[in-house]
Amino acid sequence: MKFLSDAEKLNIVKFIHTLVWLIFVVAILYICYSGAFNRVSRLTGYCIGAVVVEGIVILLNKGKCPLTSLAGKYTNTHPIGFDILLPKWLAQYNKAMFSTIFLVGLSLVLWRTIYNVVT
């Protein structure tokens, strides 16, 4: 029986991490779309909840995704983006960029929700 090398395990974690990242990016963009085009729905709420839970998990893990910690077990070097299949610049500014986009989307959703209730 063949066991996976650390490099192969790291590649698997990178692939999974990238898929999870992509799901959250789609959720964040959907939140923005919902708020911008007044299409707030139950799905918008689920997306907001998922992103908030993700944020809590990252905060509880000292500012890192748990998959980053897992990937770190399979390599001795930890340059920016070692744990995900993203360009280095995007990996470096990922949290700041998508947190900002999320907050803009959330603000739009809240504004639409309040506006729709008042009118």
PDB file of N, CA and C in Angstrom:
ATOM      1  N   MET A   1       0.845  -1.184   0.000  1.00  0.00           N
ATOM      2  CA  MET A   1       0.000   0.000   0.000  1.00  0.00           C
ATOM      3  C   MET A   1       0.890   1.246   0.000  1.00  0.00           C
ATOM      4  N   LYS A   2       0.631   2.120  -0.948  1.00  0.00           N
ATOM      5  CA  LYS A   2       1.433   3.333  -1.062  1.00  0.00           C
ATOM      6  C   LYS A   2       0.838   4.442  -0.207  1.00  0.00           C
ATOM      7  N   PHE A   3       1.692   5.104   0.544  1.00  0.00           N
ATOM      8  CA  PHE A   3       1.263   6.245   1.350  1.00  0.00           C
ATOM      9  C   PHE A   3       1.647   7.521   0.621  1.00  0.00           C
ATOM     10  N   LEU A   4       0.915   8.560   0.872  1.00  0.00           N
ATOM     11  CA  LEU A   4       1.178   9.838   0.225  1.00  0.00           C
ATOM     12  C   LEU A   4       2.382  10.530   0.848  1.00  0.00           C
ATOM     13  N   SER A   5       3.146  11.176  -0.004  1.00  0.00           N
ATOM     14  CA  SER A   5       4.272  11.970   0.491  1.00  0.00           C
ATOM     15  C   SER A   5       3.733  13.269   1.071  1.00  0.00           C
ATOM     16  N   ASP A   6       4.591  13.985   1.819  1.00  0.00           N
ATOM     17  CA  ASP A   6       4.179  15.281   2.370  1.00  0.00           C
ATOM     18  C   ASP A   6       3.829  16.265   1.260  1.00  0.00           C
ATOM     19  N   ALA A   7       4.556  16.220   0.159  1.00  0.00           N
ATOM     20  CA  ALA A   7       4.273  17.123  -0.965  1.00  0.00           C
ATOM     21  C   ALA A   7       2.889  16.833  -1.553  1.00  0.00           C
ATOM     22  N   GLU A   8       2.542  15.565  -1.661  1.00  0.00           N
ATOM     23  CA  GLU A   8       1.215  15.197  -2.177  1.00  0.00           C
ATOM     24  C   GLU A   8       0.115  15.618  -1.199  1.00  0.00           C
ATOM     25  N   LYS A   9       0.359  15.428   0.089  1.00  0.00           N
ATOM     26  CA  LYS A   9      -0.616  15.856   1.090  1.00  0.00           C
ATOM     27  C   LYS A   9      -0.802  17.370   1.051  1.00  0.00           C
ATOM     28  N   LEU A  10       0.302  18.098   0.905  1.00  0.00           N
ATOM     29  CA  LEU A  10       0.227  19.551   0.811  1.00  0.00           C
ATOM     30  C   LEU A  10      -0.598  19.965  -0.407  1.00  0.00           C
ATOM     31  N   ASN A  11      -0.391  19.307  -1.533  1.00  0.00           N
ATOM     32  CA  ASN A  11      -1.163  19.637  -2.735  1.00  0.00           C
ATOM     33  C   ASN A  11      -2.652  19.366  -2.547  1.00  0.00           C
ATOM     34  N   ILE A  12      -2.991  18.326  -1.837  1.00  0.00           N
ATOM     35  CA  ILE A  12      -4.400  18.023  -1.553  1.00  0.00           C
ATOM     36  C   ILE A  12      -5.000  19.117  -0.674  1.00  0.00           C
ATOM     37  N   VAL A  13      -4.272  19.508   0.363  1.00  0.00           N
ATOM     38  CA  VAL A  13      -4.757  20.577   1.248  1.00  0.00           C
ATOM     39  C   VAL A  13      -4.895  21.882   0.463  1.00  0.00           C
ATOM     40  N   LYS A  14      -3.929  22.195  -0.401  1.00  0.00           N
ATOM     41  CA  LYS A  14      -4.006  23.406  -1.225  1.00  0.00           C
ATOM     42  C   LYS A  14      -5.257  23.398  -2.101  1.00  0.00           C
ATOM     43  N   PHE A  15      -5.539  22.260  -2.718  1.00  0.00           N
ATOM     44  CA  PHE A  15      -6.704  22.140  -3.590  1.00  0.00           C
ATOM     45  C   PHE A  15      -7.995  22.332  -2.797  1.00  0.00           C
ATOM     46  N   ILE A  16      -8.109  21.662  -1.660  1.00  0.00           N
ATOM     47  CA  ILE A  16      -9.303  21.790  -0.821  1.00  0.00           C
ATOM     48  C   ILE A  16      -9.449  23.227  -0.315  1.00  0.00           C
ATOM     49  N   HIS A  17      -8.343  23.817   0.116  1.00  0.00           N
ATOM     50  CA  HIS A  17      -8.350  25.190   0.616  1.00  0.00           C
ATOM     51  C   HIS A  17      -8.834  26.148  -0.474  1.00  0.00           C
ATOM     52  N   THR A  18      -8.371  25.938  -1.686  1.00  0.00           N
ATOM     53  CA  THR A  18      -8.782  26.786  -2.805  1.00  0.00           C
ATOM     54  C   THR A  18     -10.274  26.625  -3.100  1.00  0.00           C
ATOM     55  N   LEU A  19     -10.787  25.410  -3.045  1.00  0.00           N
ATOM     56  CA  LEU A  19     -12.221  25.194  -3.261  1.00  0.00           C
ATOM     57  C   LEU A  19     -13.060  25.877  -2.179  1.00  0.00           C
ATOM     58  N   VAL A  20     -12.650  25.746  -0.932  1.00  0.00           N
ATOM     59  CA  VAL A  20     -13.358  26.401   0.171  1.00  0.00           C
ATOM     60  C   VAL A  20     -13.311  27.913  -0.005  1.00  0.00           C
ATOM     61  N   TRP A  21     -12.137  28.442  -0.363  1.00  0.00           N
ATOM     62  CA  TRP A  21     -11.982  29.874  -0.611  1.00  0.00           C
ATOM     63  C   TRP A  21     -12.941  30.329  -1.703  1.00  0.00           C
ATOM     64  N   LEU A  22     -13.020  29.565  -2.789  1.00  0.00           N
ATOM     65  CA  LEU A  22     -13.884  29.916  -3.908  1.00  0.00           C
ATOM     66  C   LEU A  22     -15.354  29.946  -3.488  1.00  0.00           C
ATOM     67  N   ILE A  23     -15.760  29.003  -2.669  1.00  0.00           N
ATOM     68  CA  ILE A  23     -17.145  28.983  -2.174  1.00  0.00           C
ATOM     69  C   ILE A  23     -17.436  30.251  -1.377  1.00  0.00           C
ATOM     70  N   PHE A  24     -16.521  30.658  -0.526  1.00  0.00           N
ATOM     71  CA  PHE A  24     -16.743  31.873   0.265  1.00  0.00           C
ATOM     72  C   PHE A  24     -16.694  33.132  -0.596  1.00  0.00           C
ATOM     73  N   VAL A  25     -15.855  33.152  -1.616  1.00  0.00           N
ATOM     74  CA  VAL A  25     -15.834  34.298  -2.530  1.00  0.00           C
ATOM     75  C   VAL A  25     -17.178  34.414  -3.243  1.00  0.00           C
ATOM     76  N   VAL A  26     -17.710  33.300  -3.720  1.00  0.00           N
ATOM     77  CA  VAL A  26     -19.021  33.317  -4.382  1.00  0.00           C
ATOM     78  C   VAL A  26     -20.087  33.801  -3.402  1.00  0.00           C
ATOM     79  N   ALA A  27     -20.039  33.332  -2.165  1.00  0.00           N
ATOM     80  CA  ALA A  27     -21.010  33.769  -1.158  1.00  0.00           C
ATOM     81  C   ALA A  27     -20.915  35.278  -0.920  1.00  0.00           C
ATOM     82  N   ILE A  28     -19.708  35.799  -0.808  1.00  0.00           N
ATOM     83  CA  ILE A  28     -19.517  37.230  -0.574  1.00  0.00           C
ATOM     84  C   ILE A  28     -20.015  38.040  -1.771  1.00  0.00           C
ATOM     85  N   LEU A  29     -19.714  37.588  -2.962  1.00  0.00           N
ATOM     86  CA  LEU A  29     -20.182  38.298  -4.154  1.00  0.00           C
ATOM     87  C   LEU A  29     -21.706  38.228  -4.272  1.00  0.00           C
ATOM     88  N   TYR A  30     -22.282  37.107  -3.868  1.00  0.00           N
ATOM     89  CA  TYR A  30     -23.749  36.989  -3.886  1.00  0.00           C
ATOM     90  C   TYR A  30     -24.384  37.965  -2.893  1.00  0.00           C
ATOM     91  N   ILE A  31     -23.761  38.133  -1.743  1.00  0.00           N
ATOM     92  CA  ILE A  31     -24.253  39.107  -0.754  1.00  0.00           C
ATOM     93  C   ILE A  31     -24.252  40.504  -1.374  1.00  0.00           C
ATOM     94  N   CYS A  32     -23.183  40.858  -2.051  1.00  0.00           N
ATOM     95  CA  CYS A  32     -23.103  42.169  -2.713  1.00  0.00           C
ATOM     96  C   CYS A  32     -24.179  42.300  -3.788  1.00  0.00           C
ATOM     97  N   TYR A  33     -24.323  41.276  -4.598  1.00  0.00           N
ATOM     98  CA  TYR A  33     -25.354  41.283  -5.640  1.00  0.00           C
ATOM     99  C   TYR A  33     -26.741  41.465  -5.023  1.00  0.00           C
ATOM    100  N   SER A  34     -27.015  40.716  -3.967  1.00  0.00           N
ATOM    101  CA  SER A  34     -28.323  40.790  -3.308  1.00  0.00           C
ATOM    102  C   SER A  34     -28.629  42.199  -2.823  1.00  0.00           C
ATOM    103  N   GLY A  35     -27.652  42.811  -2.210  1.00  0.00           N
ATOM    104  CA  GLY A  35     -27.847  44.161  -1.707  1.00  0.00           C
ATOM    105  C   GLY A  35     -27.927  45.189  -2.814  1.00  0.00           C
ATOM    106  N   ALA A  36     -27.095  45.064  -3.816  1.00  0.00           N
ATOM    107  CA  ALA A  36     -27.047  46.049  -4.893  1.00  0.00           C
ATOM    108  C   ALA A  36     -28.311  46.030  -5.752  1.00  0.00           C
ATOM    109  N   PHE A  37     -28.881  44.862  -5.955  1.00  0.00           N
ATOM    110  CA  PHE A  37     -30.037  44.736  -6.852  1.00  0.00           C
ATOM    111  C   PHE A  37     -31.338  44.401  -6.126  1.00  0.00           C
ATOM    112  N   ASN A  38     -31.355  44.629  -4.819  1.00  0.00           N
ATOM    113  CA  ASN A  38     -32.567  44.414  -4.013  1.00  0.00           C
ATOM    114  C   ASN A  38     -33.123  43.001  -4.202  1.00  0.00           C
ATOM    115  N   ARG A  39     -32.258  42.036  -4.137  1.00  0.00           N
ATOM    116  CA  ARG A  39     -32.636  40.623  -4.269  1.00  0.00           C
ATOM    117  C   ARG A  39     -32.333  39.860  -2.978  1.00  0.00           C
ATOM    118  N   VAL A  40     -32.563  40.506  -1.860  1.00  0.00           N
ATOM    119  CA  VAL A  40     -32.271  39.900  -0.559  1.00  0.00           C
ATOM    120  C   VAL A  40     -33.239  38.737  -0.341  1.00  0.00           C
ATOM    121  N   SER A  41     -32.678  37.591  -0.007  1.00  0.00           N
ATOM    122  CA  SER A  41     -33.478  36.374   0.147  1.00  0.00           C
ATOM    123  C   SER A  41     -32.939  35.548   1.315  1.00  0.00           C
ATOM    124  N   ARG A  42     -33.551  34.422   1.511  1.00  0.00           N
ATOM    125  CA  ARG A  42     -33.087  33.492   2.540  1.00  0.00           C
ATOM    126  C   ARG A  42     -31.654  33.049   2.240  1.00  0.00           C
ATOM    127  N   LEU A  43     -31.343  32.856   0.954  1.00  0.00           N
ATOM    128  CA  LEU A  43     -29.986  32.458   0.568  1.00  0.00           C
ATOM    129  C   LEU A  43     -28.978  33.526   0.970  1.00  0.00           C
ATOM    130  N   THR A  44     -29.370  34.786   0.853  1.00  0.00           N
ATOM    131  CA  THR A  44     -28.492  35.880   1.291  1.00  0.00           C
ATOM    132  C   THR A  44     -28.173  35.723   2.770  1.00  0.00           C
ATOM    133  N   GLY A  45     -29.181  35.422   3.562  1.00  0.00           N
ATOM    134  CA  GLY A  45     -28.979  35.214   4.995  1.00  0.00           C
ATOM    135  C   GLY A  45     -28.059  34.044   5.286  1.00  0.00           C
ATOM    136  N   TYR A  46     -28.220  32.959   4.537  1.00  0.00           N
ATOM    137  CA  TYR A  46     -27.340  31.797   4.726  1.00  0.00           C
ATOM    138  C   TYR A  46     -25.899  32.156   4.385  1.00  0.00           C
ATOM    139  N   CYS A  47     -25.716  32.919   3.316  1.00  0.00           N
ATOM    140  CA  CYS A  47     -24.364  33.340   2.923  1.00  0.00           C
ATOM    141  C   CYS A  47     -23.744  34.232   3.992  1.00  0.00           C
ATOM    142  N   ILE A  48     -24.530  35.165   4.508  1.00  0.00           N
ATOM    143  CA  ILE A  48     -24.022  36.043   5.573  1.00  0.00           C
ATOM    144  C   ILE A  48     -23.636  35.212   6.790  1.00  0.00           C
ATOM    145  N   GLY A  49     -24.489  34.290   7.177  1.00  0.00           N
ATOM    146  CA  GLY A  49     -24.195  33.431   8.330  1.00  0.00           C
ATOM    147  C   GLY A  49     -22.932  32.614   8.128  1.00  0.00           C
ATOM    148  N   ALA A  50     -22.766  32.063   6.935  1.00  0.00           N
ATOM    149  CA  ALA A  50     -21.577  31.248   6.658  1.00  0.00           C
ATOM    150  C   ALA A  50     -20.299  32.090   6.741  1.00  0.00           C
ATOM    151  N   VAL A  51     -20.349  33.292   6.188  1.00  0.00           N
ATOM    152  CA  VAL A  51     -19.165  34.152   6.212  1.00  0.00           C
ATOM    153  C   VAL A  51     -18.853  34.596   7.640  1.00  0.00           C
ATOM    154  N   VAL A  52     -19.875  34.884   8.429  1.00  0.00           N
ATOM    155  CA  VAL A  52     -19.655  35.271   9.827  1.00  0.00           C
ATOM    156  C   VAL A  52     -19.046  34.106  10.605  1.00  0.00           C
ATOM    157  N   VAL A  53     -19.559  32.905  10.400  1.00  0.00           N
ATOM    158  CA  VAL A  53     -18.998  31.732  11.086  1.00  0.00           C
ATOM    159  C   VAL A  53     -17.549  31.516  10.660  1.00  0.00           C
ATOM    160  N   GLU A  54     -17.271  31.679   9.370  1.00  0.00           N
ATOM    161  CA  GLU A  54     -15.889  31.558   8.893  1.00  0.00           C
ATOM    162  C   GLU A  54     -14.990  32.578   9.597  1.00  0.00           C
ATOM    163  N   GLY A  55     -15.469  33.794   9.732  1.00  0.00           N
ATOM    164  CA  GLY A  55     -14.698  34.830  10.419  1.00  0.00           C
ATOM    165  C   GLY A  55     -14.412  34.474  11.865  1.00  0.00           C
ATOM    166  N   ILE A  56     -15.405  33.920  12.543  1.00  0.00           N
ATOM    167  CA  ILE A  56     -15.226  33.504  13.939  1.00  0.00           C
ATOM    168  C   ILE A  56     -14.181  32.393  14.030  1.00  0.00           C
ATOM    169  N   VAL A  57     -14.265  31.426  13.114  1.00  0.00           N
ATOM    170  CA  VAL A  57     -13.289  30.328  13.106  1.00  0.00           C
ATOM    171  C   VAL A  57     -11.879  30.871  12.904  1.00  0.00           C
ATOM    172  N   ILE A  58     -11.716  31.805  11.985  1.00  0.00           N
ATOM    173  CA  ILE A  58     -10.398  32.390  11.736  1.00  0.00           C
ATOM    174  C   ILE A  58      -9.912  33.165  12.956  1.00  0.00           C
ATOM    175  N   LEU A  59     -10.804  33.929  13.590  1.00  0.00           N
ATOM    176  CA  LEU A  59     -10.417  34.656  14.803  1.00  0.00           C
ATOM    177  C   LEU A  59      -9.983  33.711  15.917  1.00  0.00           C
ATOM    178  N   LEU A  60     -10.727  32.622  16.098  1.00  0.00           N
ATOM    179  CA  LEU A  60     -10.394  31.656  17.150  1.00  0.00           C
ATOM    180  C   LEU A  60      -9.104  30.892  16.847  1.00  0.00           C
ATOM    181  N   ASN A  61      -8.701  30.881  15.571  1.00  0.00           N
ATOM    182  CA  ASN A  61      -7.480  30.187  15.159  1.00  0.00           C
ATOM    183  C   ASN A  61      -6.322  31.182  14.973  1.00  0.00           C
ATOM    184  N   LYS A  62      -6.333  32.238  15.765  1.00  0.00           N
ATOM    185  CA  LYS A  62      -5.248  33.238  15.771  1.00  0.00           C
ATOM    186  C   LYS A  62      -5.053  33.915  14.416  1.00  0.00           C
ATOM    187  N   GLY A  63      -6.168  34.189  13.736  1.00  0.00           N
ATOM    188  CA  GLY A  63      -6.112  34.910  12.475  1.00  0.00           C
ATOM    189  C   GLY A  63      -5.784  34.074  11.257  1.00  0.00           C
ATOM    190  N   LYS A  64      -5.754  32.766  11.414  1.00  0.00           N
ATOM    191  CA  LYS A  64      -5.433  31.878  10.296  1.00  0.00           C
ATOM    192  C   LYS A  64      -6.586  30.929  10.028  1.00  0.00           C
ATOM    193  N   CYS A  65      -6.710  30.543   8.777  1.00  0.00           N
ATOM    194  CA  CYS A  65      -7.639  29.472   8.430  1.00  0.00           C
ATOM    195  C   CYS A  65      -7.071  28.161   8.982  1.00  0.00           C
ATOM    196  N   PRO A  66      -7.911  27.289   9.522  1.00  0.00           N
ATOM    197  CA  PRO A  66      -7.409  25.996  10.002  1.00  0.00           C
ATOM    198  C   PRO A  66      -6.696  25.187   8.914  1.00  0.00           C
ATOM    199  N   LEU A  67      -7.079  25.393   7.658  1.00  0.00           N
ATOM    200  CA  LEU A  67      -6.402  24.676   6.579  1.00  0.00           C
ATOM    201  C   LEU A  67      -4.969  25.163   6.385  1.00  0.00           C
ATOM    202  N   THR A  68      -4.694  26.400   6.735  1.00  0.00           N
ATOM    203  CA  THR A  68      -3.317  26.908   6.695  1.00  0.00           C
ATOM    204  C   THR A  68      -2.471  26.172   7.726  1.00  0.00           C
ATOM    205  N   SER A  69      -3.037  25.997   8.914  1.00  0.00           N
ATOM    206  CA  SER A  69      -2.320  25.250   9.964  1.00  0.00           C
ATOM    207  C   SER A  69      -2.077  23.809   9.536  1.00  0.00           C
ATOM    208  N   LEU A  70      -3.078  23.198   8.906  1.00  0.00           N
ATOM    209  CA  LEU A  70      -2.923  21.823   8.429  1.00  0.00           C
ATOM    210  C   LEU A  70      -1.848  21.747   7.354  1.00  0.00           C
ATOM    211  N   ALA A  71      -1.866  22.674   6.403  1.00  0.00           N
ATOM    212  CA  ALA A  71      -0.863  22.684   5.333  1.00  0.00           C
ATOM    213  C   ALA A  71       0.541  22.859   5.898  1.00  0.00           C
ATOM    214  N   GLY A  72       0.665  23.629   6.969  1.00  0.00           N
ATOM    215  CA  GLY A  72       1.964  23.864   7.588  1.00  0.00           C
ATOM    216  C   GLY A  72       2.629  22.612   8.109  1.00  0.00           C
ATOM    217  N   LYS A  73       1.848  21.584   8.368  1.00  0.00           N
ATOM    218  CA  LYS A  73       2.420  20.315   8.851  1.00  0.00           C
ATOM    219  C   LYS A  73       3.178  19.562   7.757  1.00  0.00           C
ATOM    220  N   TYR A  74       2.934  19.931   6.490  1.00  0.00           N
ATOM    221  CA  TYR A  74       3.501  19.168   5.384  1.00  0.00           C
ATOM    222  C   TYR A  74       4.644  19.883   4.663  1.00  0.00           C
ATOM    223  N   THR A  75       5.105  20.993   5.225  1.00  0.00           N
ATOM    224  CA  THR A  75       6.240  21.699   4.635  1.00  0.00           C
ATOM    225  C   THR A  75       6.985  22.467   5.716  1.00  0.00           C
ATOM    226  N   ASN A  76       8.270  22.661   5.492  1.00  0.00           N
ATOM    227  CA  ASN A  76       9.080  23.422   6.447  1.00  0.00           C
ATOM    228  C   ASN A  76       9.112  24.903   6.110  1.00  0.00           C
ATOM    229  N   THR A  77       8.725  25.253   4.892  1.00  0.00           N
ATOM    230  CA  THR A  77       8.719  26.652   4.471  1.00  0.00           C
ATOM    231  C   THR A  77       7.284  27.154   4.403  1.00  0.00           C
ATOM    232  N   HIS A  78       7.078  28.372   4.872  1.00  0.00           N
ATOM    233  CA  HIS A  78       5.723  28.929   4.918  1.00  0.00           C
ATOM    234  C   HIS A  78       5.672  30.324   4.295  1.00  0.00           C
ATOM    235  N   PRO A  79       6.057  30.452   3.017  1.00  0.00           N
ATOM    236  CA  PRO A  79       5.941  31.771   2.385  1.00  0.00           C
ATOM    237  C   PRO A  79       4.464  32.107   2.164  1.00  0.00           C
ATOM    238  N   ILE A  80       4.190  33.346   1.858  1.00  0.00           N
ATOM    239  CA  ILE A  80       2.812  33.767   1.605  1.00  0.00           C
ATOM    240  C   ILE A  80       2.232  32.914   0.485  1.00  0.00           C
ATOM    241  N   GLY A  81       1.069  32.351   0.728  1.00  0.00           N
ATOM    242  CA  GLY A  81       0.370  31.564  -0.278  1.00  0.00           C
ATOM    243  C   GLY A  81       0.818  30.124  -0.408  1.00  0.00           C
ATOM    244  N   PHE A  82       1.627  29.636   0.520  1.00  0.00           N
ATOM    245  CA  PHE A  82       2.103  28.254   0.431  1.00  0.00           C
ATOM    246  C   PHE A  82       0.976  27.241   0.567  1.00  0.00           C
ATOM    247  N   ASP A  83      -0.145  27.668   1.119  1.00  0.00           N
ATOM    248  CA  ASP A  83      -1.226  26.777   1.511  1.00  0.00           C
ATOM    249  C   ASP A  83      -2.432  26.804   0.584  1.00  0.00           C
ATOM    250  N   ILE A  84      -2.372  27.590  -0.503  1.00  0.00           N
ATOM    251  CA  ILE A  84      -3.537  27.778  -1.367  1.00  0.00           C
ATOM    252  C   ILE A  84      -3.074  28.056  -2.789  1.00  0.00           C
ATOM    253  N   LEU A  85      -3.907  27.719  -3.749  1.00  0.00           N
ATOM    254  CA  LEU A  85      -3.558  27.902  -5.153  1.00  0.00           C
ATOM    255  C   LEU A  85      -4.040  29.265  -5.647  1.00  0.00           C
ATOM    256  N   LEU A  86      -3.450  30.317  -5.118  1.00  0.00           N
ATOM    257  CA  LEU A  86      -3.763  31.689  -5.502  1.00  0.00           C
ATOM    258  C   LEU A  86      -2.462  32.411  -5.816  1.00  0.00           C
ATOM    259  N   PRO A  87      -2.541  33.458  -6.639  1.00  0.00           N
ATOM    260  CA  PRO A  87      -1.336  34.276  -6.827  1.00  0.00           C
ATOM    261  C   PRO A  87      -0.897  34.864  -5.482  1.00  0.00           C
ATOM    262  N   LYS A  88       0.403  35.067  -5.338  1.00  0.00           N
ATOM    263  CA  LYS A  88       0.949  35.540  -4.065  1.00  0.00           C
ATOM    264  C   LYS A  88       0.291  36.841  -3.606  1.00  0.00           C
ATOM    265  N   TRP A  89       0.076  37.800  -4.518  1.00  0.00           N
ATOM    266  CA  TRP A  89      -0.513  39.092  -4.146  1.00  0.00           C
ATOM    267  C   TRP A  89      -1.929  38.917  -3.613  1.00  0.00           C
ATOM    268  N   LEU A  90      -2.689  37.985  -4.203  1.00  0.00           N
ATOM    269  CA  LEU A  90      -4.057  37.756  -3.744  1.00  0.00           C
ATOM    270  C   LEU A  90      -4.060  37.040  -2.401  1.00  0.00           C
ATOM    271  N   ALA A  91      -3.191  36.078  -2.244  1.00  0.00           N
ATOM    272  CA  ALA A  91      -3.084  35.376  -0.960  1.00  0.00           C
ATOM    273  C   ALA A  91      -2.688  36.342   0.153  1.00  0.00           C
ATOM    274  N   GLN A  92      -1.815  37.275  -0.167  1.00  0.00           N
ATOM    275  CA  GLN A  92      -1.327  38.214   0.841  1.00  0.00           C
ATOM    276  C   GLN A  92      -2.423  39.169   1.318  1.00  0.00           C
ATOM    277  N   TYR A  93      -3.250  39.651   0.402  1.00  0.00           N
ATOM    278  CA  TYR A  93      -4.261  40.655   0.741  1.00  0.00           C
ATOM    279  C   TYR A  93      -5.683  40.096   0.770  1.00  0.00           C
ATOM    280  N   ASN A  94      -5.813  38.807   0.700  1.00  0.00           N
ATOM    281  CA  ASN A  94      -7.098  38.129   0.629  1.00  0.00           C
ATOM    282  C   ASN A  94      -8.069  38.542   1.733  1.00  0.00           C
ATOM    283  N   LYS A  95      -7.644  38.442   2.979  1.00  0.00           N
ATOM    284  CA  LYS A  95      -8.547  38.754   4.105  1.00  0.00           C
ATOM    285  C   LYS A  95      -8.992  40.204   4.076  1.00  0.00           C
ATOM    286  N   ALA A  96      -8.069  41.109   3.832  1.00  0.00           N
ATOM    287  CA  ALA A  96      -8.417  42.535   3.805  1.00  0.00           C
ATOM    288  C   ALA A  96      -9.371  42.842   2.654  1.00  0.00           C
ATOM    289  N   MET A  97      -9.082  42.300   1.483  1.00  0.00           N
ATOM    290  CA  MET A  97      -9.919  42.571   0.316  1.00  0.00           C
ATOM    291  C   MET A  97     -11.337  42.038   0.496  1.00  0.00           C
ATOM    292  N   PHE A  98     -11.448  40.770   0.852  1.00  0.00           N
ATOM    293  CA  PHE A  98     -12.768  40.163   0.903  1.00  0.00           C
ATOM    294  C   PHE A  98     -13.539  40.534   2.164  1.00  0.00           C
ATOM    295  N   SER A  99     -12.843  40.912   3.220  1.00  0.00           N
ATOM    296  CA  SER A  99     -13.548  41.458   4.390  1.00  0.00           C
ATOM    297  C   SER A  99     -14.196  42.789   4.030  1.00  0.00           C
ATOM    298  N   THR A 100     -13.474  43.608   3.279  1.00  0.00           N
ATOM    299  CA  THR A 100     -14.018  44.892   2.844  1.00  0.00           C
ATOM    300  C   THR A 100     -15.207  44.695   1.917  1.00  0.00           C
ATOM    301  N   ILE A 101     -15.064  43.807   0.949  1.00  0.00           N
ATOM    302  CA  ILE A 101     -16.164  43.527   0.026  1.00  0.00           C
ATOM    303  C   ILE A 101     -17.372  42.987   0.788  1.00  0.00           C
ATOM    304  N   PHE A 102     -17.134  42.105   1.760  1.00  0.00           N
ATOM    305  CA  PHE A 102     -18.223  41.569   2.570  1.00  0.00           C
ATOM    306  C   PHE A 102     -18.933  42.680   3.338  1.00  0.00           C
ATOM    307  N   LEU A 103     -18.170  43.572   3.940  1.00  0.00           N
ATOM    308  CA  LEU A 103     -18.781  44.659   4.714  1.00  0.00           C
ATOM    309  C   LEU A 103     -19.590  45.599   3.824  1.00  0.00           C
ATOM    310  N   VAL A 104     -19.114  45.847   2.622  1.00  0.00           N
ATOM    311  CA  VAL A 104     -19.886  46.656   1.671  1.00  0.00           C
ATOM    312  C   VAL A 104     -21.185  45.931   1.320  1.00  0.00           C
ATOM    313  N   GLY A 105     -21.090  44.657   0.994  1.00  0.00           N
ATOM    314  CA  GLY A 105     -22.279  43.872   0.667  1.00  0.00           C
ATOM    315  C   GLY A 105     -23.248  43.797   1.827  1.00  0.00           C
ATOM    316  N   LEU A 106     -22.734  43.574   3.022  1.00  0.00           N
ATOM    317  CA  LEU A 106     -23.579  43.507   4.211  1.00  0.00           C
ATOM    318  C   LEU A 106     -24.279  44.840   4.445  1.00  0.00           C
ATOM    319  N   SER A 107     -23.569  45.930   4.251  1.00  0.00           N
ATOM    320  CA  SER A 107     -24.168  47.263   4.398  1.00  0.00           C
ATOM    321  C   SER A 107     -25.300  47.461   3.394  1.00  0.00           C
ATOM    322  N   LEU A 108     -25.087  47.039   2.168  1.00  0.00           N
ATOM    323  CA  LEU A 108     -26.132  47.149   1.154  1.00  0.00           C
ATOM    324  C   LEU A 108     -27.358  46.312   1.521  1.00  0.00           C
ATOM    325  N   VAL A 109     -27.116  45.093   1.993  1.00  0.00           N
ATOM    326  CA  VAL A 109     -28.226  44.215   2.394  1.00  0.00           C
ATOM    327  C   VAL A 109     -28.992  44.831   3.555  1.00  0.00           C
ATOM    328  N   LEU A 110     -28.277  45.344   4.555  1.00  0.00           N
ATOM    329  CA  LEU A 110     -28.949  45.974   5.694  1.00  0.00           C
ATOM    330  C   LEU A 110     -29.741  47.201   5.255  1.00  0.00           C
ATOM    331  N   TRP A 111     -29.154  48.019   4.388  1.00  0.00           N
ATOM    332  CA  TRP A 111     -29.853  49.193   3.877  1.00  0.00           C
ATOM    333  C   TRP A 111     -31.119  48.786   3.131  1.00  0.00           C
ATOM    334  N   ARG A 112     -31.020  47.785   2.250  1.00  0.00           N
ATOM    335  CA  ARG A 112     -32.192  47.311   1.497  1.00  0.00           C
ATOM    336  C   ARG A 112     -33.248  46.758   2.440  1.00  0.00           C
ATOM    337  N   THR A 113     -32.822  46.000   3.429  1.00  0.00           N
ATOM    338  CA  THR A 113     -33.767  45.398   4.367  1.00  0.00           C
ATOM    339  C   THR A 113     -34.491  46.471   5.164  1.00  0.00           C
ATOM    340  N   ILE A 114     -33.763  47.423   5.689  1.00  0.00           N
ATOM    341  CA  ILE A 114     -34.383  48.506   6.468  1.00  0.00           C
ATOM    342  C   ILE A 114     -35.275  49.354   5.579  1.00  0.00           C
ATOM    343  N   TYR A 115     -34.779  49.690   4.381  1.00  0.00           N
ATOM    344  CA  TYR A 115     -35.559  50.520   3.454  1.00  0.00           C
ATOM    345  C   TYR A 115     -36.869  49.833   3.070  1.00  0.00           C
ATOM    346  N   ASN A 116     -36.805  48.511   2.808  1.00  0.00           N
ATOM    347  CA  ASN A 116     -38.006  47.764   2.411  1.00  0.00           C
ATOM    348  C   ASN A 116     -39.010  47.655   3.546  1.00  0.00           C
ATOM    349  N   VAL A 117     -38.551  47.633   4.792  1.00  0.00           N
ATOM    350  CA  VAL A 117     -39.445  47.554   5.943  1.00  0.00           C
ATOM    351  C   VAL A 117     -40.131  48.897   6.165  1.00  0.00           C
ATOM    352  N   VAL A 118     -39.368  49.985   6.021  1.00  0.00           N
ATOM    353  CA  VAL A 118     -39.882  51.324   6.279  1.00  0.00           C
ATOM    354  C   VAL A 118     -40.876  51.751   5.197  1.00  0.00           C
ATOM    355  N   THR A 119     -40.632  51.376   3.941  1.00  0.00           N
ATOM    356  CA  THR A 119     -41.517  51.821   2.865  1.00  0.00           C
ATOM    357  C   THR A 119     -42.594  50.829   2.522  1.00  0.00           C
TER     358      THR A 119
END
